[in-house]
Amino acid sequence: MIHPRVDELLENVDSRYALVIVAAKRARQINNYHHQLGEGTFDQFLPPLVESRSKNYLTMSLEEISEGKIKYTYPK
């Protein structure tokens, strides 16, 4: 079973396209944060905003979206 479910995720974003873009971008940020841990720098990227059982960065980002911890805006 996939968690969080897609229908739950779509309640917090405008479309499936937005979901994919936001989740992928946040997963890259989480990945960069974990690489910075080894280098001893913590400046640029936020740590994961949720406690996750998964070690997959995309799953972590989807859980953040599901809980409403990620907000986004469209550039004008």
N, C-alpha and C. Protein backbone atom coordinates (compact mmCIF):
# COMPACT_ATOMS: atom_id res chain seq x y z
N MET A 1 0.83 -1.18 0.00
CA MET A 1 0.00 0.00 0.00
C MET A 1 0.87 1.24 0.00
N ILE A 2 0.55 2.18 -0.84
CA ILE A 2 1.32 3.41 -0.95
C ILE A 2 0.84 4.39 0.12
N HIS A 3 1.79 4.92 0.86
CA HIS A 3 1.44 5.91 1.87
C HIS A 3 2.35 7.11 1.72
N PRO A 4 1.88 8.29 1.68
CA PRO A 4 0.49 8.73 1.70
C PRO A 4 -0.19 8.51 0.36
N ARG A 5 -1.50 8.36 0.41
CA ARG A 5 -2.27 8.09 -0.80
C ARG A 5 -2.34 9.33 -1.69
N VAL A 6 -2.44 9.10 -2.98
CA VAL A 6 -2.45 10.20 -3.95
C VAL A 6 -3.65 11.12 -3.72
N ASP A 7 -4.81 10.56 -3.42
CA ASP A 7 -5.98 11.42 -3.21
C ASP A 7 -5.80 12.31 -1.98
N GLU A 8 -5.09 11.85 -0.96
CA GLU A 8 -4.79 12.69 0.19
C GLU A 8 -3.81 13.80 -0.18
N LEU A 9 -2.84 13.48 -1.01
CA LEU A 9 -1.85 14.46 -1.43
C LEU A 9 -2.47 15.56 -2.29
N LEU A 10 -3.42 15.18 -3.13
CA LEU A 10 -4.02 16.16 -4.04
C LEU A 10 -4.89 17.18 -3.30
N GLU A 11 -5.22 16.93 -2.04
CA GLU A 11 -5.95 17.91 -1.25
C GLU A 11 -5.07 19.11 -0.90
N ASN A 12 -3.74 18.94 -0.93
CA ASN A 12 -2.81 20.00 -0.54
C ASN A 12 -2.11 20.67 -1.70
N VAL A 13 -2.38 20.23 -2.93
CA VAL A 13 -1.77 20.84 -4.11
C VAL A 13 -2.84 21.06 -5.17
N ASP A 14 -2.50 21.84 -6.19
CA ASP A 14 -3.46 22.18 -7.24
C ASP A 14 -3.69 21.05 -8.24
N SER A 15 -2.62 20.32 -8.56
CA SER A 15 -2.73 19.31 -9.61
C SER A 15 -1.66 18.24 -9.41
N ARG A 16 -1.76 17.19 -10.18
CA ARG A 16 -0.75 16.13 -10.13
C ARG A 16 0.61 16.66 -10.59
N TYR A 17 0.57 17.55 -11.58
CA TYR A 17 1.81 18.15 -12.08
C TYR A 17 2.51 18.91 -10.95
N ALA A 18 1.77 19.73 -10.23
CA ALA A 18 2.35 20.49 -9.12
C ALA A 18 2.89 19.55 -8.05
N LEU A 19 2.18 18.47 -7.79
CA LEU A 19 2.61 17.48 -6.80
C LEU A 19 3.97 16.90 -7.18
N VAL A 20 4.13 16.53 -8.43
CA VAL A 20 5.39 15.94 -8.89
C VAL A 20 6.54 16.94 -8.78
N ILE A 21 6.30 18.17 -9.21
CA ILE A 21 7.35 19.18 -9.19
C ILE A 21 7.77 19.51 -7.75
N VAL A 22 6.78 19.76 -6.88
CA VAL A 22 7.08 20.12 -5.49
C VAL A 22 7.76 18.97 -4.76
N ALA A 23 7.27 17.76 -4.94
CA ALA A 23 7.85 16.60 -4.25
C ALA A 23 9.28 16.34 -4.72
N ALA A 24 9.54 16.44 -6.00
CA ALA A 24 10.88 16.19 -6.53
C ALA A 24 11.86 17.26 -6.03
N LYS A 25 11.43 18.51 -6.04
CA LYS A 25 12.31 19.58 -5.59
C LYS A 25 12.64 19.42 -4.10
N ARG A 26 11.64 19.10 -3.30
CA ARG A 26 11.88 18.93 -1.86
C ARG A 26 12.75 17.70 -1.60
N ALA A 27 12.56 16.63 -2.36
CA ALA A 27 13.40 15.43 -2.20
C ALA A 27 14.86 15.77 -2.49
N ARG A 28 15.13 16.60 -3.50
CA ARG A 28 16.50 17.02 -3.78
C ARG A 28 17.07 17.85 -2.63
N GLN A 29 16.23 18.70 -2.02
CA GLN A 29 16.69 19.49 -0.87
C GLN A 29 17.04 18.60 0.31
N ILE A 30 16.23 17.59 0.57
CA ILE A 30 16.51 16.66 1.67
C ILE A 30 17.80 15.88 1.38
N ASN A 31 17.99 15.46 0.14
CA ASN A 31 19.20 14.77 -0.26
C ASN A 31 20.43 15.66 -0.03
N ASN A 32 20.33 16.91 -0.45
CA ASN A 32 21.45 17.84 -0.25
C ASN A 32 21.72 18.08 1.23
N TYR A 33 20.68 18.14 2.05
CA TYR A 33 20.85 18.30 3.49
C TYR A 33 21.65 17.12 4.06
N HIS A 34 21.31 15.91 3.67
CA HIS A 34 22.03 14.73 4.19
C HIS A 34 23.47 14.69 3.71
N HIS A 35 23.74 15.19 2.52
CA HIS A 35 25.13 15.26 2.06
C HIS A 35 25.91 16.33 2.83
N GLN A 36 25.24 17.40 3.23
CA GLN A 36 25.90 18.44 4.01
C GLN A 36 26.26 17.95 5.41
N LEU A 37 25.51 17.01 5.94
CA LEU A 37 25.81 16.49 7.28
C LEU A 37 27.23 15.93 7.33
N GLY A 38 27.63 15.24 6.28
CA GLY A 38 28.97 14.67 6.24
C GLY A 38 30.05 15.72 6.11
N GLU A 39 29.71 16.87 5.54
CA GLU A 39 30.68 17.93 5.35
C GLU A 39 30.73 18.89 6.54
N GLY A 40 29.77 18.80 7.44
CA GLY A 40 29.76 19.65 8.62
C GLY A 40 29.14 21.02 8.40
N THR A 41 28.45 21.22 7.29
CA THR A 41 27.78 22.50 7.04
C THR A 41 26.28 22.29 7.10
N PHE A 42 25.56 23.26 7.64
CA PHE A 42 24.12 23.12 7.81
C PHE A 42 23.38 24.37 7.34
N ASP A 43 23.97 25.16 6.47
CA ASP A 43 23.44 26.48 6.15
C ASP A 43 22.25 26.47 5.21
N GLN A 44 22.35 25.80 4.09
CA GLN A 44 21.43 26.04 2.99
C GLN A 44 20.12 25.27 3.04
N PHE A 45 20.12 24.06 3.46
CA PHE A 45 18.94 23.21 3.32
C PHE A 45 18.37 22.80 4.67
N LEU A 46 17.04 22.79 4.73
CA LEU A 46 16.34 22.40 5.95
C LEU A 46 16.34 20.88 6.11
N PRO A 47 16.36 20.40 7.33
CA PRO A 47 16.24 18.96 7.55
C PRO A 47 14.80 18.52 7.25
N PRO A 48 14.56 17.23 7.17
CA PRO A 48 13.18 16.76 6.96
C PRO A 48 12.27 17.31 8.04
N LEU A 49 11.07 17.70 7.66
CA LEU A 49 10.13 18.34 8.57
C LEU A 49 9.20 17.35 9.25
N VAL A 50 9.32 16.07 8.93
CA VAL A 50 8.49 15.03 9.53
C VAL A 50 9.37 13.88 9.97
N GLU A 51 8.89 13.14 10.95
CA GLU A 51 9.55 11.90 11.34
C GLU A 51 9.01 10.81 10.42
N SER A 52 9.90 10.16 9.69
CA SER A 52 9.48 9.17 8.71
C SER A 52 10.12 7.83 9.00
N ARG A 53 9.38 6.76 8.75
CA ARG A 53 9.95 5.42 8.87
C ARG A 53 10.78 5.09 7.65
N SER A 54 10.55 5.83 6.57
CA SER A 54 11.24 5.57 5.32
C SER A 54 12.56 6.32 5.26
N LYS A 55 13.51 5.76 4.56
CA LYS A 55 14.77 6.44 4.30
C LYS A 55 14.80 7.01 2.88
N ASN A 56 13.70 6.87 2.17
CA ASN A 56 13.59 7.38 0.81
C ASN A 56 13.22 8.85 0.86
N TYR A 57 14.01 9.69 0.20
CA TYR A 57 13.81 11.13 0.27
C TYR A 57 12.50 11.56 -0.39
N LEU A 58 12.11 10.89 -1.46
CA LEU A 58 10.85 11.23 -2.11
C LEU A 58 9.66 10.92 -1.20
N THR A 59 9.72 9.80 -0.51
CA THR A 59 8.66 9.46 0.44
C THR A 59 8.59 10.49 1.56
N MET A 60 9.74 10.93 2.05
CA MET A 60 9.75 11.96 3.09
C MET A 60 9.09 13.24 2.59
N SER A 61 9.41 13.63 1.36
CA SER A 61 8.82 14.86 0.83
C SER A 61 7.32 14.71 0.63
N LEU A 62 6.86 13.55 0.20
CA LEU A 62 5.42 13.33 0.04
C LEU A 62 4.71 13.36 1.40
N GLU A 63 5.35 12.84 2.44
CA GLU A 63 4.77 12.90 3.78
C GLU A 63 4.68 14.34 4.27
N GLU A 64 5.69 15.15 3.95
CA GLU A 64 5.64 16.57 4.31
C GLU A 64 4.49 17.28 3.61
N ILE A 65 4.28 16.98 2.35
CA ILE A 65 3.17 17.57 1.60
C ILE A 65 1.84 17.12 2.19
N SER A 66 1.74 15.84 2.51
CA SER A 66 0.51 15.29 3.07
C SER A 66 0.13 15.97 4.38
N GLU A 67 1.11 16.30 5.20
CA GLU A 67 0.86 16.93 6.48
C GLU A 67 0.72 18.45 6.37
N GLY A 68 0.88 18.99 5.17
CA GLY A 68 0.71 20.42 4.96
C GLY A 68 1.90 21.26 5.41
N LYS A 69 3.06 20.66 5.52
CA LYS A 69 4.25 21.38 5.96
C LYS A 69 4.98 22.06 4.82
N ILE A 70 4.62 21.74 3.58
CA ILE A 70 5.25 22.34 2.41
C ILE A 70 4.21 23.22 1.71
N LYS A 71 4.59 24.47 1.50
CA LYS A 71 3.74 25.41 0.76
C LYS A 71 4.52 25.88 -0.47
N TYR A 72 3.81 26.19 -1.53
CA TYR A 72 4.47 26.66 -2.74
C TYR A 72 3.62 27.73 -3.39
N THR A 73 4.25 28.53 -4.22
CA THR A 73 3.55 29.55 -5.00
C THR A 73 4.04 29.49 -6.43
N TYR A 74 3.22 29.94 -7.34
CA TYR A 74 3.62 30.02 -8.72
C TYR A 74 4.30 31.35 -8.98
N PRO A 75 5.43 31.36 -9.66
CA PRO A 75 6.08 32.64 -9.98
C PRO A 75 5.24 33.41 -11.01
N LYS A 76 5.30 34.72 -10.90
CA LYS A 76 4.52 35.55 -11.83
C LYS A 76 5.34 35.96 -13.02
